Amino acid sequence: MLFEGGVEYQYSWHLSLFQQACQTIGVELSPCGITCLSEDETRYLSTSETLNELTKCIRTLRTQKRFKRRESDQRYLAIQQEIEIGSYVDAVLDRYARTCVVRVDLYYRTEAQARLRVEHVFDDLNRLIAERERNLIFDYETGYICSVEQGEDRGYHIHAAFFFNGSEVSADIYRAQRIGELWERITRGQGCFNNCNLEKDKYQDRLGIGLIHRRDLNARGNVHYAMRYLVKSDQHLRLKPVGARCLRKGQPKRGFRGD
C-alpha cells in the first residue's frame, strides 16, 4: 500500500489482521467515533458496540490458516535469527584473544516521535552504518549487530552492538558514548541514546559487554545472552518499507585468529 511520499510498506501480521477485520465489518469514522452497521444493517452501532464486533471478528479471523501461518512464520524467523546471531557472535569473538563489546540503545526524543516515519529510522540507520567506513570512532571494529524495533513506550528505536579488537580498544564506556553522540548528530538532535556499558552493575552475573576474553566460556555465554535481546519477538515493527531489513549485522572475517 502506498502512503504519502510514495513509500510502499509491508504490514506485520498483527496489523494485517486488524486491517482485514475493519474491512470485514465495515468500520467507518463518525463524529462520535468509529461505527459500523449492525448485522441486520438496520442501524449504526455505537463505538463500544463496534469495538465488540471488531474484537469478535479479529478472534474469528485469527483462526484462519493464513494468519496462523504468518504468526508461525514470525516465531520461526525469530528462532532462525537467534541461531544466526549466535553463530555470528562466535565468529567475532574467535577472531581476537580479547574483544571489546559495546552496547547502545538508540532512541528518538518524545517530541520527535509524533512526526517520525519508519522510513526515516531506516535512513538514519543506513547513515550510521555508513559511518563505520570513515569515522575514527569505529577504528578496530570487528563486527556489529543492529535491530530496528517498535515499543509501546519509546516508539521506534534501535538496539545496537559493536565489537572491537580488545587489544586496541578497552575504553568501552567512552566508545559507547561516542557512538551515541554520533547518533544524535545523524538525527540532527532528534535522537537520544542509552549507554549500556555505563550500567554494567545491573547485569550482575550475566555481564556480556565490556572486555571479553576469547577463552572465557562463561563470559561468551553472557555475550550470547545479551545479543539475544536484540532479536526478541515482542517488539517487531507494525510496518516497514518493503525490502527493509530490521536486523543488520556485519560480515565475519574468517581464516585469521589474532592474539
C-alpha atoms as a PDB file:
ATOM      1  CA  MET A   1       0.000   0.000   0.000  1.00  0.00           C
ATOM      2  CA  LEU A   2       1.266   3.492  -0.830  1.00  0.00           C
ATOM      3  CA  PHE A   3       1.254   6.375   1.648  1.00  0.00           C
ATOM      4  CA  GLU A   4       2.467   9.956   1.467  1.00  0.00           C
ATOM      5  CA  GLY A   5       5.818  10.149  -0.244  1.00  0.00           C
ATOM      6  CA  GLY A   6       5.267   7.077  -2.423  1.00  0.00           C
ATOM      7  CA  VAL A   7       6.806   4.623   0.044  1.00  0.00           C
ATOM      8  CA  GLU A   8       5.450   1.092  -0.160  1.00  0.00           C
ATOM      9  CA  TYR A   9       5.025  -0.636   3.191  1.00  0.00           C
ATOM     10  CA  GLN A  10       4.896  -4.212   4.383  1.00  0.00           C
ATOM     11  CA  TYR A  11       2.485  -4.849   7.280  1.00  0.00           C
ATOM     12  CA  SER A  12       3.091  -7.080  10.266  1.00  0.00           C
ATOM     13  CA  TRP A  13       0.615  -9.930  10.617  1.00  0.00           C
ATOM     14  CA  HIS A  14      -0.979  -8.137  13.594  1.00  0.00           C
ATOM     15  CA  LEU A  15      -1.662  -5.019  11.548  1.00  0.00           C
ATOM     16  CA  SER A  16      -2.860  -7.041   8.552  1.00  0.00           C
ATOM     17  CA  LEU A  17      -5.270  -8.887  10.828  1.00  0.00           C
ATOM     18  CA  PHE A  18      -6.624  -5.637  12.257  1.00  0.00           C
ATOM     19  CA  GLN A  19      -6.988  -4.089   8.804  1.00  0.00           C
ATOM     20  CA  GLN A  20      -8.858  -7.150   7.499  1.00  0.00           C
ATOM     21  CA  ALA A  21     -11.207  -7.116  10.497  1.00  0.00           C
ATOM     22  CA  CYS A  22     -12.003  -3.419   9.946  1.00  0.00           C
ATOM     23  CA  GLN A  23     -12.794  -4.100   6.304  1.00  0.00           C
ATOM     24  CA  THR A  24     -14.872  -7.174   7.112  1.00  0.00           C
ATOM     25  CA  ILE A  25     -17.279  -5.395   9.453  1.00  0.00           C
ATOM     26  CA  GLY A  26     -17.117  -2.104   7.539  1.00  0.00           C
ATOM     27  CA  VAL A  27     -15.670   0.214  10.167  1.00  0.00           C
ATOM     28  CA  GLU A  28     -16.351   3.896   9.448  1.00  0.00           C
ATOM     29  CA  LEU A  29     -15.438   7.152  11.145  1.00  0.00           C
ATOM     30  CA  SER A  30     -18.258   9.260  12.559  1.00  0.00           C
ATOM     31  CA  PRO A  31     -18.388  12.489  14.611  1.00  0.00           C
ATOM     32  CA  CYS A  32     -18.895  10.285  17.683  1.00  0.00           C
ATOM     33  CA  GLY A  33     -16.052   7.874  16.952  1.00  0.00           C
ATOM     34  CA  ILE A  34     -15.854   4.662  14.955  1.00  0.00           C
ATOM     35  CA  THR A  35     -19.021   2.857  13.898  1.00  0.00           C
ATOM     36  CA  CYS A  36     -20.316   0.130  11.600  1.00  0.00           C
ATOM     37  CA  LEU A  37     -23.669  -1.243  10.511  1.00  0.00           C
ATOM     38  CA  SER A  38     -25.415  -3.809  12.673  1.00  0.00           C
ATOM     39  CA  GLU A  39     -25.511  -7.366  11.358  1.00  0.00           C
ATOM     40  CA  ASP A  40     -29.061  -6.847  10.031  1.00  0.00           C
ATOM     41  CA  GLU A  41     -27.970  -3.467   8.578  1.00  0.00           C
ATOM     42  CA  THR A  42     -30.810  -1.586  10.311  1.00  0.00           C
ATOM     43  CA  ARG A  43     -28.712   0.817  12.394  1.00  0.00           C
ATOM     44  CA  TYR A  44     -25.230   2.104  13.075  1.00  0.00           C
ATOM     45  CA  LEU A  45     -23.595   0.709  16.194  1.00  0.00           C
ATOM     46  CA  SER A  46     -22.119   2.793  18.989  1.00  0.00           C
ATOM     47  CA  THR A  47     -18.365   2.946  19.415  1.00  0.00           C
ATOM     48  CA  SER A  48     -18.406   0.359  22.214  1.00  0.00           C
ATOM     49  CA  GLU A  49     -20.621  -1.967  20.171  1.00  0.00           C
ATOM     50  CA  THR A  50     -18.344  -1.522  17.156  1.00  0.00           C
ATOM     51  CA  LEU A  51     -15.298  -2.394  19.239  1.00  0.00           C
ATOM     52  CA  ASN A  52     -17.045  -5.530  20.478  1.00  0.00           C
ATOM     53  CA  GLU A  53     -17.817  -6.560  16.889  1.00  0.00           C
ATOM     54  CA  LEU A  54     -14.260  -5.784  15.854  1.00  0.00           C
ATOM     55  CA  THR A  55     -12.884  -7.925  18.688  1.00  0.00           C
ATOM     56  CA  LYS A  56     -15.107 -10.849  17.711  1.00  0.00           C
ATOM     57  CA  CYS A  57     -14.087 -10.530  14.080  1.00  0.00           C
ATOM     58  CA  ILE A  58     -10.379 -10.461  14.982  1.00  0.00           C
ATOM     59  CA  ARG A  59     -10.780 -13.627  17.047  1.00  0.00           C
ATOM     60  CA  THR A  60     -12.507 -15.355  14.145  1.00  0.00           C
ATOM     61  CA  LEU A  61     -10.002 -14.224  11.525  1.00  0.00           C
ATOM     62  CA  ARG A  62      -7.069 -15.248  13.695  1.00  0.00           C
ATOM     63  CA  THR A  63      -8.148 -18.883  13.413  1.00  0.00           C
ATOM     64  CA  GLN A  64      -7.811 -18.724   9.624  1.00  0.00           C
ATOM     65  CA  LYS A  65      -4.908 -20.611   8.147  1.00  0.00           C
ATOM     66  CA  ARG A  66      -3.225 -17.579   6.550  1.00  0.00           C
ATOM     67  CA  PHE A  67      -2.979 -15.644   9.810  1.00  0.00           C
ATOM     68  CA  LYS A  68      -1.939 -18.691  11.837  1.00  0.00           C
ATOM     69  CA  ARG A  69       0.762 -19.295   9.240  1.00  0.00           C
ATOM     70  CA  ARG A  70       2.056 -15.726   9.439  1.00  0.00           C
ATOM     71  CA  GLU A  71       2.206 -15.906  13.239  1.00  0.00           C
ATOM     72  CA  SER A  72       4.091 -19.188  12.979  1.00  0.00           C
ATOM     73  CA  ASP A  73       6.429 -17.728  10.355  1.00  0.00           C
ATOM     74  CA  GLN A  74       7.277 -14.828  12.670  1.00  0.00           C
ATOM     75  CA  ARG A  75       8.180 -17.190  15.517  1.00  0.00           C
ATOM     76  CA  TYR A  76      10.278 -19.281  13.144  1.00  0.00           C
ATOM     77  CA  LEU A  77      12.082 -16.183  11.873  1.00  0.00           C
ATOM     78  CA  ALA A  78      12.907 -15.121  15.443  1.00  0.00           C
ATOM     79  CA  ILE A  79      14.384 -18.570  16.156  1.00  0.00           C
ATOM     80  CA  GLN A  80      16.422 -18.523  12.942  1.00  0.00           C
ATOM     81  CA  GLN A  81      17.694 -15.031  13.684  1.00  0.00           C
ATOM     82  CA  GLU A  82      18.751 -16.108  17.162  1.00  0.00           C
ATOM     83  CA  ILE A  83      20.724 -19.010  15.681  1.00  0.00           C
ATOM     84  CA  GLU A  84      22.239 -16.726  13.045  1.00  0.00           C
ATOM     85  CA  ILE A  85      23.258 -14.141  15.629  1.00  0.00           C
ATOM     86  CA  GLY A  86      24.757 -16.856  17.834  1.00  0.00           C
ATOM     87  CA  SER A  87      26.976 -18.094  15.009  1.00  0.00           C
ATOM     88  CA  TYR A  88      27.969 -14.546  14.138  1.00  0.00           C
ATOM     89  CA  VAL A  89      28.897 -13.704  17.734  1.00  0.00           C
ATOM     90  CA  ASP A  90      31.084 -16.814  17.984  1.00  0.00           C
ATOM     91  CA  ALA A  91      32.875 -15.899  14.751  1.00  0.00           C
ATOM     92  CA  VAL A  92      33.554 -12.367  16.006  1.00  0.00           C
ATOM     93  CA  LEU A  93      34.706 -13.460  19.472  1.00  0.00           C
ATOM     94  CA  ASP A  94      37.002 -16.104  17.954  1.00  0.00           C
ATOM     95  CA  ARG A  95      38.891 -13.530  15.907  1.00  0.00           C
ATOM     96  CA  TYR A  96      40.970 -11.991  18.704  1.00  0.00           C
ATOM     97  CA  ALA A  97      42.074 -13.067  22.175  1.00  0.00           C
ATOM     98  CA  ARG A  98      40.099 -10.149  23.607  1.00  0.00           C
ATOM     99  CA  THR A  99      37.041  -8.439  22.169  1.00  0.00           C
ATOM    100  CA  CYS A 100      35.542  -5.191  23.441  1.00  0.00           C
ATOM    101  CA  VAL A 101      31.742  -5.414  23.272  1.00  0.00           C
ATOM    102  CA  VAL A 102      29.849  -2.112  23.185  1.00  0.00           C
ATOM    103  CA  ARG A 103      26.052  -1.831  23.510  1.00  0.00           C
ATOM    104  CA  VAL A 104      23.963   1.260  22.858  1.00  0.00           C
ATOM    105  CA  ASP A 105      20.215   1.717  22.581  1.00  0.00           C
ATOM    106  CA  LEU A 106      19.338   4.424  20.069  1.00  0.00           C
ATOM    107  CA  TYR A 107      16.059   6.278  20.540  1.00  0.00           C
ATOM    108  CA  TYR A 108      14.182   9.334  19.306  1.00  0.00           C
ATOM    109  CA  ARG A 109      13.109  12.117  21.625  1.00  0.00           C
ATOM    110  CA  THR A 110       9.440  12.157  22.632  1.00  0.00           C
ATOM    111  CA  GLU A 111       8.725  15.368  20.754  1.00  0.00           C
ATOM    112  CA  ALA A 112      10.100  13.826  17.534  1.00  0.00           C
ATOM    113  CA  GLN A 113       8.090  10.597  17.722  1.00  0.00           C
ATOM    114  CA  ALA A 114       4.764  12.102  16.591  1.00  0.00           C
ATOM    115  CA  ARG A 115       6.077  13.090  13.164  1.00  0.00           C
ATOM    116  CA  LEU A 116       8.598  10.279  12.757  1.00  0.00           C
ATOM    117  CA  ARG A 117       8.031   7.830   9.912  1.00  0.00           C
ATOM    118  CA  VAL A 118       9.553   4.379   9.849  1.00  0.00           C
ATOM    119  CA  GLU A 119      11.486   5.025   6.634  1.00  0.00           C
ATOM    120  CA  HIS A 120      13.278   7.885   8.421  1.00  0.00           C
ATOM    121  CA  VAL A 121      14.509   5.386  11.012  1.00  0.00           C
ATOM    122  CA  PHE A 122      15.987   3.151   8.324  1.00  0.00           C
ATOM    123  CA  ASP A 123      17.566   6.177   6.632  1.00  0.00           C
ATOM    124  CA  ASP A 124      19.235   7.144   9.918  1.00  0.00           C
ATOM    125  CA  LEU A 125      20.413   3.565  10.469  1.00  0.00           C
ATOM    126  CA  ASN A 126      21.888   3.472   6.966  1.00  0.00           C
ATOM    127  CA  ARG A 127      23.819   6.654   7.733  1.00  0.00           C
ATOM    128  CA  LEU A 128      25.109   5.188  10.999  1.00  0.00           C
ATOM    129  CA  ILE A 129      26.292   2.007   9.289  1.00  0.00           C
ATOM    130  CA  ALA A 130      27.940   4.057   6.525  1.00  0.00           C
ATOM    131  CA  GLU A 131      29.880   5.993   9.196  1.00  0.00           C
ATOM    132  CA  ARG A 132      31.672   2.753  10.068  1.00  0.00           C
ATOM    133  CA  GLU A 133      33.712   3.119   6.888  1.00  0.00           C
ATOM    134  CA  ARG A 134      35.037   6.614   7.588  1.00  0.00           C
ATOM    135  CA  ASN A 135      34.626   7.606  11.229  1.00  0.00           C
ATOM    136  CA  LEU A 136      37.530   7.121  13.650  1.00  0.00           C
ATOM    137  CA  ILE A 137      35.043   6.036  16.319  1.00  0.00           C
ATOM    138  CA  PHE A 138      34.899   2.691  14.535  1.00  0.00           C
ATOM    139  CA  ASP A 139      38.643   2.092  14.264  1.00  0.00           C
ATOM    140  CA  TYR A 140      39.446  -1.560  15.061  1.00  0.00           C
ATOM    141  CA  GLU A 141      35.800  -2.585  14.800  1.00  0.00           C
ATOM    142  CA  THR A 142      35.403  -6.310  14.069  1.00  0.00           C
ATOM    143  CA  GLY A 143      31.619  -6.577  13.776  1.00  0.00           C
ATOM    144  CA  TYR A 144      28.237  -5.081  14.570  1.00  0.00           C
ATOM    145  CA  ILE A 145      24.582  -6.013  15.094  1.00  0.00           C
ATOM    146  CA  CYS A 146      21.679  -3.558  14.806  1.00  0.00           C
ATOM    147  CA  SER A 147      17.985  -4.310  15.268  1.00  0.00           C
ATOM    148  CA  VAL A 148      15.149  -1.874  14.480  1.00  0.00           C
ATOM    149  CA  GLU A 149      12.171  -2.253  16.812  1.00  0.00           C
ATOM    150  CA  GLN A 150       8.976  -0.506  17.898  1.00  0.00           C
ATOM    151  CA  GLY A 151       7.880  -0.329  21.536  1.00  0.00           C
ATOM    152  CA  GLU A 152       4.816   0.985  23.320  1.00  0.00           C
ATOM    153  CA  ASP A 153       6.764   3.477  25.432  1.00  0.00           C
ATOM    154  CA  ARG A 154       9.758   4.533  23.323  1.00  0.00           C
ATOM    155  CA  GLY A 155       8.329   4.112  19.816  1.00  0.00           C
ATOM    156  CA  TYR A 156      10.853   3.377  17.071  1.00  0.00           C
ATOM    157  CA  HIS A 157      14.305   2.550  18.383  1.00  0.00           C
ATOM    158  CA  ILE A 158      17.436   0.592  17.528  1.00  0.00           C
ATOM    159  CA  HIS A 159      19.323  -1.854  19.719  1.00  0.00           C
ATOM    160  CA  ALA A 160      22.947  -1.870  18.597  1.00  0.00           C
ATOM    161  CA  ALA A 161      26.103  -3.776  19.484  1.00  0.00           C
ATOM    162  CA  PHE A 162      29.582  -3.085  18.163  1.00  0.00           C
ATOM    163  CA  PHE A 163      32.618  -5.325  18.586  1.00  0.00           C
ATOM    164  CA  PHE A 164      36.219  -4.112  18.640  1.00  0.00           C
ATOM    165  CA  ASN A 165      39.670  -5.688  18.807  1.00  0.00           C
ATOM    166  CA  GLY A 166      40.229  -5.752  22.572  1.00  0.00           C
ATOM    167  CA  SER A 167      43.996  -5.358  22.184  1.00  0.00           C
ATOM    168  CA  GLU A 168      43.414  -1.927  20.658  1.00  0.00           C
ATOM    169  CA  VAL A 169      40.166  -0.786  22.289  1.00  0.00           C
ATOM    170  CA  SER A 170      39.429  -1.167  26.001  1.00  0.00           C
ATOM    171  CA  ALA A 171      37.574   2.054  26.897  1.00  0.00           C
ATOM    172  CA  ASP A 172      34.145   0.581  26.207  1.00  0.00           C
ATOM    173  CA  ILE A 173      32.134   3.246  28.060  1.00  0.00           C
ATOM    174  CA  TYR A 174      33.877   6.022  26.144  1.00  0.00           C
ATOM    175  CA  ARG A 175      33.381   4.243  22.814  1.00  0.00           C
ATOM    176  CA  ALA A 176      29.658   3.706  23.500  1.00  0.00           C
ATOM    177  CA  GLN A 177      29.313   7.374  24.451  1.00  0.00           C
ATOM    178  CA  ARG A 178      30.951   8.482  21.204  1.00  0.00           C
ATOM    179  CA  ILE A 179      28.641   6.262  19.139  1.00  0.00           C
ATOM    180  CA  GLY A 180      25.623   7.667  20.972  1.00  0.00           C
ATOM    181  CA  GLU A 181      26.768  11.223  20.302  1.00  0.00           C
ATOM    182  CA  LEU A 182      27.229  10.326  16.640  1.00  0.00           C
ATOM    183  CA  TRP A 183      23.620   9.107  16.593  1.00  0.00           C
ATOM    184  CA  GLU A 184      22.491  12.475  17.963  1.00  0.00           C
ATOM    185  CA  ARG A 185      24.311  14.234  15.129  1.00  0.00           C
ATOM    186  CA  ILE A 186      22.943  11.874  12.469  1.00  0.00           C
ATOM    187  CA  THR A 187      19.389  12.538  13.681  1.00  0.00           C
ATOM    188  CA  ARG A 188      20.031  16.304  13.883  1.00  0.00           C
ATOM    189  CA  GLY A 189      19.295  16.397  17.584  1.00  0.00           C
ATOM    190  CA  GLN A 190      16.072  14.392  17.366  1.00  0.00           C
ATOM    191  CA  GLY A 191      17.762  11.269  18.685  1.00  0.00           C
ATOM    192  CA  CYS A 192      18.937  10.246  22.131  1.00  0.00           C
ATOM    193  CA  PHE A 193      20.667   7.149  23.460  1.00  0.00           C
ATOM    194  CA  ASN A 194      21.361   4.882  26.390  1.00  0.00           C
ATOM    195  CA  ASN A 195      24.954   3.851  27.058  1.00  0.00           C
ATOM    196  CA  CYS A 196      24.527   0.256  28.243  1.00  0.00           C
ATOM    197  CA  ASN A 197      28.233  -0.066  29.086  1.00  0.00           C
ATOM    198  CA  LEU A 198      27.768   2.665  31.686  1.00  0.00           C
ATOM    199  CA  GLU A 199      25.355   0.398  33.589  1.00  0.00           C
ATOM    200  CA  LYS A 200      27.327  -2.826  33.971  1.00  0.00           C
ATOM    201  CA  ASP A 201      26.209  -3.307  37.581  1.00  0.00           C
ATOM    202  CA  LYS A 202      22.626  -4.041  36.564  1.00  0.00           C
ATOM    203  CA  TYR A 203      23.745  -7.111  34.581  1.00  0.00           C
ATOM    204  CA  GLN A 204      25.240  -8.736  37.699  1.00  0.00           C
ATOM    205  CA  ASP A 205      26.355 -12.291  36.797  1.00  0.00           C
ATOM    206  CA  ARG A 206      25.049 -12.006  33.207  1.00  0.00           C
ATOM    207  CA  LEU A 207      27.518  -9.335  32.111  1.00  0.00           C
ATOM    208  CA  GLY A 208      28.136  -9.785  28.393  1.00  0.00           C
ATOM    209  CA  ILE A 209      29.549  -6.381  27.453  1.00  0.00           C
ATOM    210  CA  GLY A 210      32.910  -4.731  28.000  1.00  0.00           C
ATOM    211  CA  LEU A 211      36.176  -6.633  27.556  1.00  0.00           C
ATOM    212  CA  ILE A 212      35.537 -10.310  26.784  1.00  0.00           C
ATOM    213  CA  HIS A 213      38.303 -12.934  26.660  1.00  0.00           C
ATOM    214  CA  ARG A 214      38.064 -15.499  23.895  1.00  0.00           C
ATOM    215  CA  ARG A 215      38.607 -18.482  26.205  1.00  0.00           C
ATOM    216  CA  ASP A 216      36.214 -17.307  28.935  1.00  0.00           C
ATOM    217  CA  LEU A 217      33.245 -19.559  28.173  1.00  0.00           C
ATOM    218  CA  ASN A 218      31.067 -18.025  30.879  1.00  0.00           C
ATOM    219  CA  ALA A 219      31.601 -14.509  29.529  1.00  0.00           C
ATOM    220  CA  ARG A 220      30.969 -15.721  25.979  1.00  0.00           C
ATOM    221  CA  GLY A 221      27.680 -17.224  27.127  1.00  0.00           C
ATOM    222  CA  ASN A 222      26.756 -13.867  28.611  1.00  0.00           C
ATOM    223  CA  VAL A 223      27.514 -12.153  25.295  1.00  0.00           C
ATOM    224  CA  HIS A 224      25.130 -14.580  23.595  1.00  0.00           C
ATOM    225  CA  TYR A 225      22.512 -13.790  26.233  1.00  0.00           C
ATOM    226  CA  ALA A 226      22.942 -10.044  25.682  1.00  0.00           C
ATOM    227  CA  MET A 227      22.716 -10.367  21.891  1.00  0.00           C
ATOM    228  CA  ARG A 228      19.523 -12.449  22.050  1.00  0.00           C
ATOM    229  CA  TYR A 229      17.861  -9.343  23.468  1.00  0.00           C
ATOM    230  CA  LEU A 230      18.374  -7.757  20.067  1.00  0.00           C
ATOM    231  CA  VAL A 231      16.094 -10.273  18.331  1.00  0.00           C
ATOM    232  CA  LYS A 232      13.331 -10.644  20.900  1.00  0.00           C
ATOM    233  CA  SER A 233       9.907 -11.183  19.310  1.00  0.00           C
ATOM    234  CA  ASP A 234       7.707  -8.785  21.306  1.00  0.00           C
ATOM    235  CA  GLN A 235       8.731  -5.504  19.655  1.00  0.00           C
ATOM    236  CA  HIS A 236       8.503  -6.210  15.927  1.00  0.00           C
ATOM    237  CA  LEU A 237       7.663  -3.315  13.621  1.00  0.00           C
ATOM    238  CA  ARG A 238       3.988  -2.899  12.751  1.00  0.00           C
ATOM    239  CA  LEU A 239       5.010  -1.848   9.266  1.00  0.00           C
ATOM    240  CA  LYS A 240       8.231  -1.243   7.400  1.00  0.00           C
ATOM    241  CA  PRO A 241       9.306  -0.177   3.916  1.00  0.00           C
ATOM    242  CA  VAL A 242       9.164  -3.125   1.527  1.00  0.00           C
ATOM    243  CA  GLY A 243      12.594  -4.759   1.384  1.00  0.00           C
ATOM    244  CA  ALA A 244      13.906  -3.105   4.553  1.00  0.00           C
ATOM    245  CA  ARG A 245      15.866  -5.404   6.868  1.00  0.00           C
ATOM    246  CA  CYS A 246      15.154  -4.921  10.570  1.00  0.00           C
ATOM    247  CA  LEU A 247      18.205  -6.940  11.597  1.00  0.00           C
ATOM    248  CA  ARG A 248      21.602  -5.851  10.283  1.00  0.00           C
ATOM    249  CA  LYS A 249      24.986  -7.362  11.009  1.00  0.00           C
ATOM    250  CA  GLY A 250      28.480  -7.260   9.605  1.00  0.00           C
ATOM    251  CA  GLN A 251      30.268  -9.997   7.723  1.00  0.00           C
ATOM    252  CA  PRO A 252      32.605 -12.022   9.957  1.00  0.00           C
ATOM    253  CA  LYS A 253      36.180 -12.241   8.680  1.00  0.00           C
ATOM    254  CA  ARG A 254      37.413 -15.816   8.529  1.00  0.00           C
ATOM    255  CA  GLY A 255      40.745 -17.547   8.339  1.00  0.00           C
ATOM    256  CA  PHE A 256      42.647 -15.492  10.934  1.00  0.00           C
ATOM    257  CA  ARG A 257      42.894 -15.629  14.707  1.00  0.00           C
ATOM    258  CA  GLY A 258      44.756 -12.766  16.311  1.00  0.00           C
ATOM    259  CA  ASP A 259      46.396 -12.508  19.695  1.00  0.00           C
END
